[in-house]
């Protein structure tokens, strides 16, 4: 190896950066060349001096690193204390909300329910109907002898009540298919926005507090508003209202008929969940008496509603609406007849007709006599109407003309 080459490699040799073969060639040259050997010793001395200076600089303040470390520990401790304090404050507020149950106070239950409701809505609006149904409460099957459940004559003998395990499963599958098909038709590929969430407490008719959550989903020009009421174990009663997005520039009112024309099949299917699972009325079915319930949402004929009276006052106009249905009921009451609103008894799934039917009963009284009238309501997303082929009268002495007047009302509300 020539001197000029060896000298070019000396710096790398002193730093230990040469490959083994090159290193051996440099060392062989150094044993033969005194000048290169002296240059190598000079490089080694300079390198040793630089390292000594660096070590002395680092040892000037032996506590410098320790001080930096202590400073970092203090900063972390302050951050930890602040974080812990905020967590304690949040926990205190949530605990107060859990105890006093004021609507404006958040609570542990409310936070958990908000998370669950958001998850349910996310599943529904991305078309995961099975995931959505994990949160939907359906009446649990009861261990009863279902031979004693009132079975209307007009529905198939293969029909199953929703309180039986098979009936509950078939109704769930029926609703899932309905939601899936309507989702594919009306939602999939369209603009969709989850625009509002809220959770709070409200009172029921008995004054008890319960948690409810509201969620509004906007689909094109349609708002679908869901209400979730906790039933425990991440299950909720679901209620739904569908309406077109209001036009801020228009002050004119939209008629019910026009407004309903905006509602797509998906909105109707979501709204239909309200009627499929109205609650558990097993006490009514099995105690042998008719319990009055203020719930009568059978659809009336479109021509039923009319303007009965138009009164003009000094400051405004007021209108009183009437209907043929209410006139027929008023006429019966004028004859001395009293009757309850319908008592919802049981939801049935008819596999032969692939439809749902809800059994209902009402009691009419005339003098000292009573009669129970039972029938079913056909449940569809489009409308709910009485199936006249299922009307059954258990008469306790009421004159036939009075019974016929009442049956005329039911046939008017029928199919």
Protein backbone atom coordinates (compact mmCIF):
# COMPACT_ATOMS: atom_id res chain seq x y z
CA UNK A 1 0.00 0.00 0.00
CA UNK A 2 1.33 3.43 -0.92
CA UNK A 3 1.74 6.21 1.66
CA UNK A 4 -0.85 8.55 0.13
CA UNK A 5 -3.49 5.81 0.28
CA UNK A 6 -2.55 4.82 3.84
CA UNK A 7 -2.71 8.43 5.04
CA UNK A 8 -6.18 8.88 3.51
CA UNK A 9 -7.33 5.85 5.50
CA UNK A 10 -5.71 6.75 8.85
CA UNK A 11 -8.67 8.71 10.23
CA UNK A 12 -11.07 5.85 9.49
CA UNK A 13 -8.52 3.38 10.89
CA UNK A 14 -8.27 5.26 14.19
CA UNK A 15 -12.06 5.39 14.46
CA UNK A 16 -12.30 1.66 13.77
CA UNK A 17 -14.36 2.09 10.63
CA UNK A 18 -12.30 0.02 8.15
CA UNK A 19 -13.17 -3.43 6.93
CA UNK A 20 -10.96 -6.23 8.21
CA UNK A 21 -8.97 -6.75 4.99
CA UNK A 22 -8.26 -3.01 4.52
CA UNK A 23 -7.37 -2.72 8.21
CA UNK A 24 -4.72 -5.45 7.83
CA UNK A 25 -3.19 -3.71 4.79
CA UNK A 26 -2.95 -0.38 6.70
CA UNK A 27 -1.32 -2.10 9.70
CA UNK A 28 1.19 -3.85 7.42
CA UNK A 29 2.12 -0.50 5.87
CA UNK A 30 2.50 1.13 9.32
CA UNK A 31 5.05 -1.52 10.37
CA UNK A 32 7.16 -0.65 7.30
CA UNK A 33 6.68 3.18 7.13
CA UNK A 34 7.89 5.28 10.08
CA UNK A 35 6.41 8.57 8.80
CA UNK A 36 2.91 7.10 8.43
CA UNK A 37 3.31 5.48 11.86
CA UNK A 38 4.09 8.89 13.45
CA UNK A 39 1.09 10.44 11.67
CA UNK A 40 -1.11 7.67 13.05
CA UNK A 41 0.15 8.33 16.62
CA UNK A 42 -0.63 12.03 16.13
CA UNK A 43 -4.20 11.18 15.07
CA UNK A 44 -4.60 8.94 18.09
CA UNK A 45 -3.42 11.65 20.48
CA UNK A 46 -5.78 14.26 19.04
CA UNK A 47 -8.72 11.86 19.27
CA UNK A 48 -7.89 11.06 22.91
CA UNK A 49 -7.68 14.76 23.76
CA UNK A 50 -11.11 15.48 22.22
CA UNK A 51 -12.68 12.70 24.25
CA UNK A 52 -11.11 14.01 27.46
CA UNK A 53 -12.49 17.51 26.84
CA UNK A 54 -16.01 16.12 26.25
CA UNK A 55 -15.87 14.10 29.46
CA UNK A 56 -14.70 17.15 31.45
CA UNK A 57 -17.54 19.25 30.03
CA UNK A 58 -20.11 16.64 31.00
CA UNK A 59 -18.66 16.47 34.54
CA UNK A 60 -18.62 20.25 35.13
CA UNK A 61 -22.15 20.03 36.72
CA UNK A 62 -22.71 16.45 37.84
CA UNK A 63 -26.25 17.36 39.05
CA UNK A 64 -27.41 18.91 35.79
CA UNK A 65 -29.03 15.73 34.48
CA UNK A 66 -30.57 15.05 37.88
CA UNK A 67 -32.07 18.56 37.99
CA UNK A 68 -33.58 18.12 34.54
CA UNK A 69 -35.05 14.78 35.61
CA UNK A 70 -36.49 16.28 38.81
CA UNK A 71 -38.04 19.12 36.78
CA UNK A 72 -39.72 16.63 34.44
CA UNK A 73 -41.04 14.68 37.42
CA UNK A 74 -42.53 17.87 38.92
CA UNK A 75 -44.28 18.79 35.66
CA UNK A 76 -45.71 15.29 35.35
CA UNK A 77 -46.87 15.38 38.96
CA UNK A 78 -48.68 18.71 38.43
CA UNK A 79 -50.37 17.34 35.31
CA UNK A 80 -51.38 14.18 37.18
CA UNK A 81 -52.86 16.22 40.06
CA UNK A 82 -54.85 18.44 37.67
CA UNK A 83 -56.11 15.42 35.74
CA UNK A 84 -57.10 13.60 38.94
CA UNK A 85 -58.90 16.73 40.20
CA UNK A 86 -60.89 17.04 36.96
CA UNK A 87 -61.81 13.37 37.14
CA UNK A 88 -62.99 13.79 40.74
CA UNK A 89 -65.07 16.83 39.77
CA UNK A 90 -66.62 14.97 36.80
CA UNK A 91 -67.30 11.93 38.97
CA UNK A 92 -68.93 14.16 41.58
CA UNK A 93 -71.20 15.83 39.00
CA UNK A 94 -72.18 12.46 37.51
CA UNK A 95 -72.90 11.06 40.96
CA UNK A 96 -75.06 14.07 41.88
CA UNK A 97 -76.95 13.63 38.60
CA UNK A 98 -77.44 9.94 39.43
CA UNK A 99 -78.93 10.82 42.81
CA UNK A 100 -81.13 13.83 42.09
CA UNK A 101 -82.11 12.84 38.53
CA UNK A 102 -82.58 16.36 37.21
CA UNK A 103 -82.79 16.60 33.46
CA UNK A 104 -80.05 19.24 33.30
CA UNK A 105 -77.60 17.12 35.32
CA UNK A 106 -75.60 14.38 33.59
CA UNK A 107 -75.32 11.03 35.38
CA UNK A 108 -73.38 7.80 35.09
CA UNK A 109 -76.46 6.07 33.68
CA UNK A 110 -77.00 8.93 31.24
CA UNK A 111 -73.43 8.80 29.93
CA UNK A 112 -73.63 5.03 29.42
CA UNK A 113 -77.05 5.30 27.76
CA UNK A 114 -75.83 8.05 25.41
CA UNK A 115 -72.97 5.81 24.29
CA UNK A 116 -75.36 2.88 23.77
CA UNK A 117 -77.95 4.96 21.89
CA UNK A 118 -75.28 6.41 19.60
CA UNK A 119 -74.09 2.89 18.88
CA UNK A 120 -77.65 1.75 18.11
CA UNK A 121 -78.19 4.66 15.69
CA UNK A 122 -74.80 4.05 14.03
CA UNK A 123 -75.75 0.42 13.40
CA UNK A 124 -79.17 1.34 12.00
CA UNK A 125 -77.97 4.10 9.68
CA UNK A 126 -75.21 1.99 8.16
CA UNK A 127 -77.69 -0.81 7.43
CA UNK A 128 -76.62 -3.16 10.24
CA UNK A 129 -80.17 -4.02 11.31
CA UNK A 130 -79.08 -7.01 13.40
CA UNK A 131 -76.69 -4.76 15.34
CA UNK A 132 -79.49 -2.24 15.89
CA UNK A 133 -81.85 -4.92 17.21
CA UNK A 134 -79.32 -5.84 19.89
CA UNK A 135 -80.52 -2.65 21.62
CA UNK A 136 -84.25 -2.96 20.90
CA UNK A 137 -86.44 -4.26 23.72
CA UNK A 138 -89.05 -6.81 22.77
CA UNK A 139 -91.52 -8.22 25.29
CA UNK A 140 -89.91 -11.22 26.94
CA UNK A 141 -91.72 -14.57 26.58
CA UNK A 142 -93.62 -15.66 29.69
CA UNK A 143 -94.09 -19.18 30.98
CA UNK A 144 -97.84 -19.43 30.52
CA UNK A 145 -100.26 -21.87 29.04
CA UNK A 146 -100.89 -20.16 25.70
CA UNK A 147 -103.96 -22.28 25.04
CA UNK A 148 -105.80 -19.75 27.23
CA UNK A 149 -104.71 -16.74 25.18
CA UNK A 150 -107.57 -15.26 23.16
CA UNK A 151 -107.05 -16.38 19.56
CA UNK A 152 -109.23 -14.49 17.07
CA UNK A 153 -111.18 -16.58 14.58
CA UNK A 154 -109.99 -14.60 11.57
CA UNK A 155 -106.27 -15.35 11.83
CA UNK A 156 -104.45 -18.53 10.89
CA UNK A 157 -104.30 -21.42 13.36
CA UNK A 158 -100.53 -21.33 12.85
CA UNK A 159 -100.38 -17.82 14.30
CA UNK A 160 -98.14 -17.32 17.32
CA UNK A 161 -98.46 -14.78 20.14
CA UNK A 162 -95.46 -12.53 20.70
CA UNK A 163 -95.18 -13.76 24.30
CA UNK A 164 -94.13 -17.17 23.03
CA UNK A 165 -90.48 -17.72 22.12
CA UNK A 166 -91.24 -18.64 18.52
CA UNK A 167 -93.61 -15.72 18.14
CA UNK A 168 -91.04 -13.23 19.48
CA UNK A 169 -88.38 -14.59 17.12
CA UNK A 170 -90.67 -14.49 14.07
CA UNK A 171 -91.82 -10.94 14.82
CA UNK A 172 -88.20 -9.80 15.20
CA UNK A 173 -87.28 -11.43 11.87
CA UNK A 174 -90.34 -9.85 10.23
CA UNK A 175 -89.31 -6.39 11.45
CA UNK A 176 -85.66 -6.91 10.47
CA UNK A 177 -86.66 -7.87 6.92
CA UNK A 178 -88.93 -4.83 6.74
CA UNK A 179 -86.18 -2.48 7.89
CA UNK A 180 -83.53 -4.07 5.65
CA UNK A 181 -85.65 -3.84 2.49
CA UNK A 182 -86.73 -0.25 3.22
CA UNK A 183 -83.12 0.74 4.09
CA UNK A 184 -81.88 -0.58 0.76
CA UNK A 185 -84.67 1.31 -1.02
CA UNK A 186 -84.63 4.67 0.75
CA UNK A 187 -81.37 5.13 2.69
CA UNK A 188 -78.53 3.26 1.02
CA UNK A 189 -76.43 5.66 -1.05
CA UNK A 190 -78.37 8.78 0.05
CA UNK A 191 -77.22 11.70 2.15
CA UNK A 192 -77.58 10.84 5.83
CA UNK A 193 -76.59 12.83 8.92
CA UNK A 194 -76.95 12.06 12.62
CA UNK A 195 -77.79 15.63 13.59
CA UNK A 196 -78.85 15.55 17.24
CA UNK A 197 -78.40 13.52 20.45
CA UNK A 198 -79.74 14.24 23.92
CA UNK A 199 -80.19 12.21 27.11
CA UNK A 200 -82.06 13.25 30.25
CA UNK A 201 -84.68 12.36 32.83
CA UNK A 202 -88.43 12.77 32.56
CA UNK A 203 -91.50 11.74 34.55
CA UNK A 204 -93.99 9.02 33.73
CA UNK A 205 -97.68 9.23 34.67
CA UNK A 206 -96.91 7.92 38.17
CA UNK A 207 -94.25 10.58 38.79
CA UNK A 208 -91.35 8.14 38.55
CA UNK A 209 -88.15 9.38 36.88
CA UNK A 210 -86.77 7.46 33.93
CA UNK A 211 -83.99 8.01 31.42
CA UNK A 212 -84.78 8.81 27.84
CA UNK A 213 -82.58 9.64 24.87
CA UNK A 214 -83.52 11.51 21.71
CA UNK A 215 -81.75 11.17 18.40
CA UNK A 216 -82.57 12.90 15.12
CA UNK A 217 -81.30 11.53 11.84
CA UNK A 218 -81.67 13.62 8.69
CA UNK A 219 -82.09 11.72 5.44
CA UNK A 220 -82.26 14.07 2.47
CA UNK A 221 -85.33 16.24 3.25
CA UNK A 222 -86.66 13.97 5.99
CA UNK A 223 -86.05 14.03 9.76
CA UNK A 224 -86.43 10.76 11.65
CA UNK A 225 -86.62 11.38 15.41
CA UNK A 226 -86.04 8.42 17.72
CA UNK A 227 -86.76 8.24 21.44
CA UNK A 228 -85.03 5.51 23.43
CA UNK A 229 -86.39 4.63 26.88
CA UNK A 230 -84.17 2.42 29.01
CA UNK A 231 -85.46 -1.03 29.93
CA UNK A 232 -82.16 -2.10 31.52
CA UNK A 233 -79.39 -4.38 30.25
CA UNK A 234 -78.73 -2.12 27.24
CA UNK A 235 -82.29 -2.62 25.94
CA UNK A 236 -84.63 0.22 24.97
CA UNK A 237 -88.23 0.81 24.04
CA UNK A 238 -88.03 2.74 20.78
CA UNK A 239 -90.45 5.40 19.59
CA UNK A 240 -90.18 7.14 16.28
CA UNK A 241 -91.61 10.21 14.58
CA UNK A 242 -90.98 11.06 10.95
CA UNK A 243 -91.52 14.47 9.40
CA UNK A 244 -90.22 16.55 6.47
CA UNK A 245 -87.56 19.17 7.14
CA UNK A 246 -89.31 22.50 7.75
CA UNK A 247 -88.86 25.27 5.23
CA UNK A 248 -87.86 28.37 7.21
CA UNK A 249 -89.00 30.63 4.40
CA UNK A 250 -92.55 29.28 4.34
CA UNK A 251 -95.15 30.13 6.99
CA UNK A 252 -97.90 27.97 5.49
CA UNK A 253 -98.99 24.86 7.36
CA UNK A 254 -98.61 21.46 5.72
CA UNK A 255 -101.69 19.27 5.80
CA UNK A 256 -101.41 15.82 7.38
CA UNK A 257 -102.06 14.12 4.06
CA UNK A 258 -99.35 16.10 2.23
CA UNK A 259 -96.92 15.70 5.12
CA UNK A 260 -97.40 11.93 5.22
CA UNK A 261 -96.68 11.74 1.49
CA UNK A 262 -93.09 12.82 2.22
CA UNK A 263 -92.45 9.89 4.54
CA UNK A 264 -90.53 7.10 2.86
CA UNK A 265 -90.81 3.38 3.56
CA UNK A 266 -87.81 3.41 5.89
CA UNK A 267 -89.39 6.09 8.06
CA UNK A 268 -92.65 4.15 8.13
CA UNK A 269 -90.82 0.96 9.11
CA UNK A 270 -89.03 2.75 11.97
CA UNK A 271 -92.31 4.28 13.14
CA UNK A 272 -93.93 0.83 12.91
CA UNK A 273 -91.69 -0.42 15.72
CA UNK A 274 -93.86 1.58 18.15
CA UNK A 275 -96.89 -0.56 17.42
CA UNK A 276 -95.19 -3.94 17.19
CA UNK A 277 -94.06 -3.86 20.81
CA UNK A 278 -96.53 -1.69 22.75
CA UNK A 279 -95.74 -3.37 26.05
CA UNK A 280 -96.65 -6.35 28.16
CA UNK A 281 -100.37 -6.64 28.86
CA UNK A 282 -100.43 -10.16 30.24
CA UNK A 283 -102.41 -9.05 33.30
CA UNK A 284 -105.24 -8.11 31.00
CA UNK A 285 -105.18 -11.42 29.16
CA UNK A 286 -105.12 -13.71 32.14
CA UNK A 287 -107.08 -12.02 34.91
CA UNK A 288 -110.44 -12.34 33.16
CA UNK A 289 -111.31 -8.63 33.27
CA UNK A 290 -111.03 -5.76 30.82
CA UNK A 291 -108.67 -3.02 31.89
CA UNK A 292 -109.40 0.43 30.44
CA UNK A 293 -106.41 1.83 28.60
CA UNK A 294 -106.30 5.25 26.95
CA UNK A 295 -104.70 4.09 23.76
CA UNK A 296 -106.77 3.97 20.60
CA UNK A 297 -104.69 4.63 17.50
CA UNK A 298 -106.60 2.76 14.84
CA UNK A 299 -106.53 4.73 11.59
CA UNK A 300 -109.80 6.26 10.53
CA UNK A 301 -110.97 6.62 6.93
CA UNK A 302 -109.47 9.62 5.16
CA UNK A 303 -112.88 11.20 4.72
CA UNK A 304 -113.69 10.83 8.43
CA UNK A 305 -112.37 14.21 9.53
CA UNK A 306 -114.40 17.25 8.62
CA UNK A 307 -114.90 20.83 9.75
CA UNK A 308 -117.82 20.69 12.16
CA UNK A 309 -117.88 24.33 13.16
CA UNK A 310 -116.21 27.55 12.11
CA UNK A 311 -116.32 30.35 14.66
CA UNK A 312 -114.98 33.85 13.99
CA UNK A 313 -113.99 35.89 17.04
CA UNK A 314 -112.73 39.47 17.21
CA UNK A 315 -109.05 38.56 17.30
CA UNK A 316 -108.80 35.26 15.52
CA UNK A 317 -110.51 32.37 13.90
CA UNK A 318 -111.05 29.14 15.82
CA UNK A 319 -112.10 25.83 14.33
CA UNK A 320 -113.60 22.81 16.02
CA UNK A 321 -113.02 19.58 14.14
CA UNK A 322 -115.36 16.62 14.25
CA UNK A 323 -115.77 13.29 12.50
CA UNK A 324 -118.34 10.68 11.64
CA UNK A 325 -116.65 8.34 14.11
CA UNK A 326 -117.03 10.77 17.02
CA UNK A 327 -120.63 11.53 16.02
CA UNK A 328 -121.47 7.80 16.08
CA UNK A 329 -119.90 7.44 19.54
CA UNK A 330 -121.73 10.56 20.79
CA UNK A 331 -125.01 9.14 19.52
CA UNK A 332 -124.50 5.93 21.52
CA UNK A 333 -123.65 7.86 24.67
CA UNK A 334 -126.83 9.93 24.29
CA UNK A 335 -128.74 6.63 24.47
CA UNK A 336 -127.16 5.92 27.85
CA UNK A 337 -124.33 3.69 26.61
CA UNK A 338 -120.85 3.99 28.10
CA UNK A 339 -117.83 2.16 26.77
CA UNK A 340 -114.11 2.03 27.32
CA UNK A 341 -111.44 2.85 24.84
CA UNK A 342 -109.69 -0.19 23.43
CA UNK A 343 -107.49 -2.30 25.66
CA UNK A 344 -104.49 -3.65 23.74
CA UNK A 345 -104.01 -7.31 24.57
CA UNK A 346 -101.59 -9.20 22.39
CA UNK A 347 -99.56 -9.05 19.19
CA UNK A 348 -99.80 -12.09 16.92
CA UNK A 349 -97.65 -13.12 13.99
CA UNK A 350 -99.59 -14.85 11.20
CA UNK A 351 -97.02 -16.82 9.15
CA UNK A 352 -99.61 -17.79 6.54
CA UNK A 353 -100.59 -14.19 5.86
CA UNK A 354 -97.11 -12.86 6.69
CA UNK A 355 -98.65 -10.09 8.76
CA UNK A 356 -99.09 -8.90 12.32
CA UNK A 357 -102.38 -8.62 14.19
CA UNK A 358 -103.09 -7.05 17.56
CA UNK A 359 -105.95 -8.36 19.65
CA UNK A 360 -108.06 -5.71 21.36
CA UNK A 361 -111.10 -5.67 23.57
CA UNK A 362 -113.53 -3.07 24.82
CA UNK A 363 -116.43 -3.18 27.27
CA UNK A 364 -119.74 -1.43 26.68
CA UNK A 365 -122.31 -0.83 29.42
CA UNK A 366 -126.02 -0.13 29.15
CA UNK A 367 -127.92 0.14 32.37
CA UNK A 368 -126.93 -2.84 34.53
CA UNK A 369 -125.82 -4.92 31.53
CA UNK A 370 -122.36 -5.30 30.05
CA UNK A 371 -120.87 -6.76 26.88
CA UNK A 372 -117.27 -7.41 25.88
CA UNK A 373 -116.39 -6.90 22.23
CA UNK A 374 -113.12 -8.43 20.99
CA UNK A 375 -111.46 -7.97 17.61
CA UNK A 376 -108.05 -7.69 15.98
CA UNK A 377 -106.30 -4.79 14.32
CA UNK A 378 -104.20 -5.48 11.25
CA UNK A 379 -100.79 -3.84 11.78
CA UNK A 380 -98.92 -2.59 8.72
CA UNK A 381 -96.47 0.29 8.24
CA UNK A 382 -99.06 1.97 6.02
CA UNK A 383 -102.08 1.84 8.34
CA UNK A 384 -103.76 0.11 11.27
CA UNK A 385 -107.34 -1.02 10.69
CA UNK A 386 -109.87 -3.35 12.28
CA UNK A 387 -110.18 -6.80 10.72
CA UNK A 388 -113.94 -7.16 10.64
CA UNK A 389 -113.73 -10.94 10.17
CA UNK A 390 -112.47 -11.24 13.76
CA UNK A 391 -115.17 -9.30 15.64
CA UNK A 392 -116.61 -11.32 18.51
CA UNK A 393 -119.26 -10.23 21.03
CA UNK A 394 -119.73 -11.69 24.50
CA UNK A 395 -123.11 -10.18 25.38
CA UNK A 396 -124.28 -9.91 28.95
CA UNK A 397 -127.85 -8.76 28.28
CA UNK A 398 -127.46 -5.56 26.25
CA UNK A 399 -130.23 -5.12 23.62
CA UNK A 400 -129.26 -6.19 20.11
CA UNK A 401 -129.93 -2.77 18.58
CA UNK A 402 -127.38 -1.22 20.95
CA UNK A 403 -124.85 -3.94 20.07
CA UNK A 404 -125.50 -3.37 16.35
CA UNK A 405 -124.94 0.38 16.73
CA UNK A 406 -121.56 -0.32 18.32
CA UNK A 407 -120.64 -2.91 15.67
CA UNK A 408 -121.46 -0.30 13.02
CA UNK A 409 -118.68 1.86 14.50
CA UNK A 410 -116.21 -1.00 14.28
CA UNK A 411 -117.17 -1.83 10.69
CA UNK A 412 -116.74 1.86 9.83
CA UNK A 413 -113.16 1.63 11.13
CA UNK A 414 -112.60 -1.73 9.44
CA UNK A 415 -111.12 -2.84 6.16
